Amino acid sequence: MSYSIGIYVKVEGCDKYAEIAYPSHSSPSYNLGKLFRSCMNWNFNSSEYYRCDHVLEHLDRGIKELTHNPYGYAGLIPGNNWMETPGALNALLSIRDCILKQAEDIPLDCMYMYWG
């Protein structure tokens, strides 16, 4: 199983969201969930929309943590497989890059990330 990550905008006049983009690494494994939550210091819920201006703060923290201390999070991956840490970092980098690309045209506080 894997997550499904996308970037959305809220449709005016209703409680619906429209997907506008998805990161190149949009389907990281559920096995990385504990690692993501720990390195980003964010207990996100699956199947929720989060404003991208808030998401970036968590992404930046996670990217910094996985860049400077990749082996420190290996114990959070089933089987203690530290080789999956670079994949987790690539997923966070691609989410951040996708958000920033969309932010060239849409304000951050108008975009949402779905972590499903």
N, C-alpha and C. Protein backbone atom coordinates (compact mmCIF):
# COMPACT_ATOMS: atom_id res chain seq x y z
N MET A 1 0.84 -1.17 0.00
CA MET A 1 0.00 0.00 0.00
C MET A 1 0.89 1.24 0.00
N SER A 2 0.34 2.30 -0.53
CA SER A 2 1.09 3.55 -0.57
C SER A 2 0.16 4.73 -0.40
N TYR A 3 0.77 5.85 -0.04
CA TYR A 3 0.02 7.09 0.07
C TYR A 3 -0.29 7.61 -1.33
N SER A 4 -1.25 8.48 -1.42
CA SER A 4 -1.58 9.18 -2.65
C SER A 4 -1.55 10.67 -2.32
N ILE A 5 -0.56 11.37 -2.83
CA ILE A 5 -0.35 12.77 -2.48
C ILE A 5 -0.64 13.65 -3.69
N GLY A 6 -1.40 14.71 -3.47
CA GLY A 6 -1.71 15.65 -4.55
C GLY A 6 -1.84 17.06 -4.01
N ILE A 7 -1.79 18.00 -4.93
CA ILE A 7 -1.96 19.42 -4.60
C ILE A 7 -3.31 19.85 -5.15
N TYR A 8 -4.08 20.55 -4.33
CA TYR A 8 -5.46 20.88 -4.64
C TYR A 8 -5.77 22.35 -4.37
N VAL A 9 -6.86 22.81 -4.95
CA VAL A 9 -7.46 24.09 -4.60
C VAL A 9 -8.90 23.80 -4.21
N LYS A 10 -9.42 24.62 -3.31
CA LYS A 10 -10.80 24.45 -2.87
C LYS A 10 -11.72 25.10 -3.90
N VAL A 11 -12.77 24.40 -4.25
CA VAL A 11 -13.74 24.90 -5.22
C VAL A 11 -14.65 25.89 -4.50
N GLU A 12 -14.76 27.07 -5.06
CA GLU A 12 -15.57 28.12 -4.44
C GLU A 12 -17.04 27.72 -4.41
N GLY A 13 -17.66 27.96 -3.28
CA GLY A 13 -19.09 27.72 -3.14
C GLY A 13 -19.47 26.32 -2.69
N CYS A 14 -18.48 25.46 -2.49
CA CYS A 14 -18.81 24.12 -2.00
C CYS A 14 -17.63 23.56 -1.22
N ASP A 15 -17.83 22.40 -0.66
CA ASP A 15 -16.81 21.80 0.18
C ASP A 15 -16.03 20.74 -0.60
N LYS A 16 -15.64 21.06 -1.82
CA LYS A 16 -14.92 20.13 -2.69
C LYS A 16 -13.56 20.72 -3.04
N TYR A 17 -12.63 19.84 -3.40
CA TYR A 17 -11.28 20.24 -3.78
C TYR A 17 -10.99 19.68 -5.17
N ALA A 18 -10.26 20.46 -5.97
CA ALA A 18 -9.89 20.03 -7.32
C ALA A 18 -8.38 19.86 -7.38
N GLU A 19 -7.94 18.71 -7.85
CA GLU A 19 -6.50 18.47 -7.95
C GLU A 19 -5.92 19.29 -9.09
N ILE A 20 -4.80 19.95 -8.81
CA ILE A 20 -4.14 20.76 -9.83
C ILE A 20 -2.76 20.22 -10.19
N ALA A 21 -2.19 19.39 -9.33
CA ALA A 21 -0.86 18.83 -9.60
C ALA A 21 -0.59 17.68 -8.64
N TYR A 22 0.42 16.90 -8.97
CA TYR A 22 0.88 15.88 -8.04
C TYR A 22 2.39 15.78 -8.17
N PRO A 23 3.07 15.51 -7.06
CA PRO A 23 4.54 15.44 -7.09
C PRO A 23 5.03 14.24 -7.88
N SER A 24 6.27 14.30 -8.32
CA SER A 24 6.83 13.18 -9.08
C SER A 24 6.91 11.91 -8.24
N HIS A 25 7.07 12.05 -6.94
CA HIS A 25 7.04 10.91 -6.02
C HIS A 25 5.77 11.03 -5.19
N SER A 26 4.64 10.76 -5.82
CA SER A 26 3.34 11.00 -5.19
C SER A 26 2.78 9.80 -4.43
N SER A 27 3.49 8.67 -4.47
CA SER A 27 2.97 7.46 -3.85
C SER A 27 3.99 6.76 -2.98
N PRO A 28 4.52 7.44 -1.96
CA PRO A 28 5.47 6.75 -1.08
C PRO A 28 4.77 5.65 -0.28
N SER A 29 5.52 4.66 0.09
CA SER A 29 4.99 3.51 0.83
C SER A 29 4.47 3.89 2.21
N TYR A 30 3.39 3.22 2.62
CA TYR A 30 2.89 3.40 3.98
C TYR A 30 3.95 3.03 5.01
N ASN A 31 4.89 2.16 4.62
CA ASN A 31 5.96 1.77 5.54
C ASN A 31 6.77 2.96 6.02
N LEU A 32 6.72 4.07 5.27
CA LEU A 32 7.50 5.25 5.63
C LEU A 32 6.71 6.22 6.52
N GLY A 33 5.48 5.89 6.85
CA GLY A 33 4.62 6.79 7.62
C GLY A 33 5.22 7.22 8.96
N LYS A 34 5.76 6.28 9.72
CA LYS A 34 6.35 6.64 11.01
C LYS A 34 7.55 7.55 10.82
N LEU A 35 8.36 7.24 9.81
CA LEU A 35 9.53 8.06 9.52
C LEU A 35 9.10 9.48 9.16
N PHE A 36 8.11 9.62 8.27
CA PHE A 36 7.63 10.95 7.87
C PHE A 36 7.12 11.73 9.08
N ARG A 37 6.29 11.09 9.88
CA ARG A 37 5.72 11.78 11.05
C ARG A 37 6.81 12.23 12.02
N SER A 38 7.82 11.41 12.19
CA SER A 38 8.89 11.73 13.13
C SER A 38 9.80 12.84 12.59
N CYS A 39 10.30 12.70 11.39
CA CYS A 39 11.27 13.67 10.89
C CYS A 39 10.62 15.04 10.64
N MET A 40 9.34 15.07 10.34
CA MET A 40 8.65 16.34 10.12
C MET A 40 8.02 16.90 11.39
N ASN A 41 8.02 16.09 12.46
CA ASN A 41 7.36 16.48 13.70
C ASN A 41 5.91 16.88 13.42
N TRP A 42 5.22 15.99 12.71
CA TRP A 42 3.87 16.27 12.25
C TRP A 42 3.06 14.98 12.26
N ASN A 43 2.05 14.93 13.07
CA ASN A 43 1.19 13.76 13.14
C ASN A 43 0.01 13.94 12.19
N PHE A 44 0.33 13.99 10.89
CA PHE A 44 -0.72 14.18 9.88
C PHE A 44 -1.67 13.00 9.86
N ASN A 45 -2.89 13.27 9.43
CA ASN A 45 -3.90 12.23 9.25
C ASN A 45 -4.05 11.94 7.77
N SER A 46 -4.16 10.69 7.46
CA SER A 46 -4.42 10.32 6.07
C SER A 46 -5.82 10.78 5.69
N SER A 47 -6.01 11.07 4.44
CA SER A 47 -7.30 11.46 3.88
C SER A 47 -7.77 12.82 4.37
N GLU A 48 -6.83 13.72 4.65
CA GLU A 48 -7.17 15.10 5.01
C GLU A 48 -6.44 16.06 4.09
N TYR A 49 -7.01 17.24 3.97
CA TYR A 49 -6.40 18.32 3.19
C TYR A 49 -5.72 19.28 4.15
N TYR A 50 -4.49 19.66 3.82
CA TYR A 50 -3.72 20.58 4.65
C TYR A 50 -3.28 21.77 3.81
N ARG A 51 -3.42 22.97 4.36
CA ARG A 51 -2.98 24.17 3.63
C ARG A 51 -1.49 24.10 3.37
N CYS A 52 -1.10 24.42 2.15
CA CYS A 52 0.29 24.27 1.74
C CYS A 52 1.24 25.22 2.47
N ASP A 53 0.76 26.38 2.90
CA ASP A 53 1.67 27.25 3.65
C ASP A 53 2.09 26.60 4.96
N HIS A 54 1.23 25.79 5.56
CA HIS A 54 1.58 25.07 6.77
C HIS A 54 2.39 23.80 6.46
N VAL A 55 2.06 23.17 5.36
CA VAL A 55 2.75 21.94 4.98
C VAL A 55 4.24 22.21 4.73
N LEU A 56 4.55 23.33 4.11
CA LEU A 56 5.95 23.63 3.79
C LEU A 56 6.83 23.67 5.03
N GLU A 57 6.31 24.17 6.12
CA GLU A 57 7.09 24.21 7.36
C GLU A 57 7.50 22.80 7.77
N HIS A 58 6.56 21.87 7.69
CA HIS A 58 6.85 20.48 8.07
C HIS A 58 7.79 19.82 7.06
N LEU A 59 7.56 20.08 5.79
CA LEU A 59 8.42 19.50 4.75
C LEU A 59 9.86 19.97 4.93
N ASP A 60 10.05 21.26 5.16
CA ASP A 60 11.40 21.80 5.33
C ASP A 60 12.10 21.15 6.52
N ARG A 61 11.37 20.95 7.60
CA ARG A 61 11.96 20.31 8.77
C ARG A 61 12.35 18.87 8.45
N GLY A 62 11.45 18.14 7.79
CA GLY A 62 11.74 16.75 7.44
C GLY A 62 12.91 16.62 6.48
N ILE A 63 12.98 17.51 5.50
CA ILE A 63 14.09 17.49 4.55
C ILE A 63 15.41 17.75 5.27
N LYS A 64 15.41 18.71 6.17
CA LYS A 64 16.62 19.02 6.93
C LYS A 64 17.03 17.82 7.78
N GLU A 65 16.08 17.20 8.46
CA GLU A 65 16.37 16.05 9.31
C GLU A 65 16.93 14.88 8.50
N LEU A 66 16.28 14.55 7.37
CA LEU A 66 16.72 13.40 6.58
C LEU A 66 18.03 13.68 5.84
N THR A 67 18.32 14.95 5.60
CA THR A 67 19.58 15.30 4.95
C THR A 67 20.75 15.19 5.92
N HIS A 68 20.55 15.68 7.15
CA HIS A 68 21.65 15.73 8.11
C HIS A 68 21.73 14.52 9.03
N ASN A 69 20.67 13.73 9.13
CA ASN A 69 20.67 12.60 10.04
C ASN A 69 19.88 11.42 9.46
N PRO A 70 20.23 10.96 8.26
CA PRO A 70 19.42 9.91 7.62
C PRO A 70 19.40 8.60 8.40
N TYR A 71 20.50 8.24 9.03
CA TYR A 71 20.56 6.96 9.75
C TYR A 71 19.78 7.01 11.06
N GLY A 72 19.53 8.20 11.56
CA GLY A 72 18.79 8.34 12.80
C GLY A 72 17.33 7.93 12.69
N TYR A 73 16.84 7.80 11.48
CA TYR A 73 15.44 7.45 11.27
C TYR A 73 15.26 6.03 10.73
N ALA A 74 16.35 5.32 10.52
CA ALA A 74 16.27 3.98 9.95
C ALA A 74 15.46 3.03 10.81
N GLY A 75 15.49 3.21 12.13
CA GLY A 75 14.73 2.35 13.03
C GLY A 75 13.23 2.50 12.89
N LEU A 76 12.78 3.53 12.19
CA LEU A 76 11.34 3.75 12.00
C LEU A 76 10.81 3.09 10.73
N ILE A 77 11.70 2.44 10.01
CA ILE A 77 11.32 1.73 8.79
C ILE A 77 11.29 0.24 9.12
N PRO A 78 10.20 -0.45 8.76
CA PRO A 78 10.15 -1.89 9.05
C PRO A 78 11.38 -2.60 8.51
N GLY A 79 11.97 -3.44 9.34
CA GLY A 79 13.18 -4.15 8.96
C GLY A 79 14.43 -3.32 9.15
N ASN A 80 14.29 -2.11 9.71
CA ASN A 80 15.42 -1.23 9.99
C ASN A 80 16.26 -1.00 8.72
N ASN A 81 15.59 -0.83 7.60
CA ASN A 81 16.25 -0.71 6.30
C ASN A 81 16.59 0.74 6.01
N TRP A 82 17.79 1.18 6.40
CA TRP A 82 18.19 2.57 6.19
C TRP A 82 18.29 2.92 4.72
N MET A 83 18.31 1.93 3.83
CA MET A 83 18.38 2.20 2.39
C MET A 83 17.11 2.87 1.88
N GLU A 84 16.00 2.79 2.62
CA GLU A 84 14.76 3.45 2.20
C GLU A 84 14.74 4.93 2.56
N THR A 85 15.67 5.36 3.39
CA THR A 85 15.70 6.76 3.80
C THR A 85 15.88 7.71 2.62
N PRO A 86 16.77 7.43 1.65
CA PRO A 86 16.87 8.34 0.49
C PRO A 86 15.55 8.43 -0.29
N GLY A 87 14.80 7.36 -0.36
CA GLY A 87 13.50 7.40 -1.03
C GLY A 87 12.52 8.31 -0.31
N ALA A 88 12.57 8.29 1.01
CA ALA A 88 11.71 9.17 1.80
C ALA A 88 12.10 10.62 1.58
N LEU A 89 13.39 10.89 1.55
CA LEU A 89 13.87 12.25 1.30
C LEU A 89 13.44 12.71 -0.09
N ASN A 90 13.56 11.85 -1.08
CA ASN A 90 13.13 12.22 -2.45
C ASN A 90 11.64 12.52 -2.50
N ALA A 91 10.85 11.78 -1.73
CA ALA A 91 9.41 12.04 -1.70
C ALA A 91 9.13 13.42 -1.13
N LEU A 92 9.78 13.76 -0.01
CA LEU A 92 9.56 15.08 0.60
C LEU A 92 10.04 16.20 -0.32
N LEU A 93 11.18 16.00 -0.96
CA LEU A 93 11.68 17.01 -1.90
C LEU A 93 10.73 17.21 -3.07
N SER A 94 10.17 16.13 -3.57
CA SER A 94 9.28 16.26 -4.73
C SER A 94 7.96 16.93 -4.34
N ILE A 95 7.48 16.69 -3.12
CA ILE A 95 6.26 17.37 -2.66
C ILE A 95 6.53 18.86 -2.55
N ARG A 96 7.65 19.21 -1.92
CA ARG A 96 7.99 20.63 -1.77
C ARG A 96 8.16 21.31 -3.13
N ASP A 97 8.86 20.66 -4.05
CA ASP A 97 9.06 21.23 -5.38
C ASP A 97 7.74 21.44 -6.11
N CYS A 98 6.84 20.49 -5.97
CA CYS A 98 5.53 20.59 -6.62
C CYS A 98 4.74 21.77 -6.06
N ILE A 99 4.75 21.91 -4.74
CA ILE A 99 4.03 23.02 -4.11
C ILE A 99 4.62 24.36 -4.57
N LEU A 100 5.94 24.47 -4.55
CA LEU A 100 6.58 25.73 -4.94
C LEU A 100 6.35 26.06 -6.41
N LYS A 101 6.30 25.05 -7.26
CA LYS A 101 6.01 25.30 -8.69
C LYS A 101 4.60 25.86 -8.84
N GLN A 102 3.64 25.28 -8.15
CA GLN A 102 2.26 25.77 -8.24
C GLN A 102 2.13 27.16 -7.61
N ALA A 103 2.95 27.44 -6.62
CA ALA A 103 2.91 28.73 -5.92
C ALA A 103 3.37 29.88 -6.81
N GLU A 104 3.93 29.57 -7.96
CA GLU A 104 4.29 30.61 -8.92
C GLU A 104 3.03 31.29 -9.46
N ASP A 105 1.92 30.57 -9.47
CA ASP A 105 0.65 31.09 -10.01
C ASP A 105 -0.47 31.20 -8.99
N ILE A 106 -0.37 30.45 -7.90
CA ILE A 106 -1.45 30.38 -6.92
C ILE A 106 -0.86 30.64 -5.53
N PRO A 107 -1.46 31.53 -4.74
CA PRO A 107 -0.93 31.77 -3.39
C PRO A 107 -0.94 30.50 -2.54
N LEU A 108 0.10 30.36 -1.72
CA LEU A 108 0.22 29.17 -0.87
C LEU A 108 -0.99 28.94 0.02
N ASP A 109 -1.56 30.03 0.54
CA ASP A 109 -2.69 29.86 1.47
C ASP A 109 -3.98 29.50 0.75
N CYS A 110 -3.93 29.38 -0.57
CA CYS A 110 -5.09 28.94 -1.36
C CYS A 110 -4.95 27.50 -1.86
N MET A 111 -3.80 26.89 -1.59
CA MET A 111 -3.55 25.53 -2.05
C MET A 111 -3.55 24.58 -0.86
N TYR A 112 -3.90 23.35 -1.15
CA TYR A 112 -3.97 22.31 -0.13
C TYR A 112 -3.24 21.08 -0.63
N MET A 113 -2.62 20.38 0.31
CA MET A 113 -2.02 19.10 0.00
C MET A 113 -2.90 18.01 0.60
N TYR A 114 -3.17 17.03 -0.19
CA TYR A 114 -3.94 15.88 0.28
C TYR A 114 -2.96 14.75 0.52
N TRP A 115 -2.93 14.25 1.72
CA TRP A 115 -2.05 13.15 2.09
C TRP A 115 -2.95 11.97 2.35
N GLY A 116 -3.31 11.26 1.30
CA GLY A 116 -4.28 10.17 1.43
C GLY A 116 -3.71 8.81 1.37
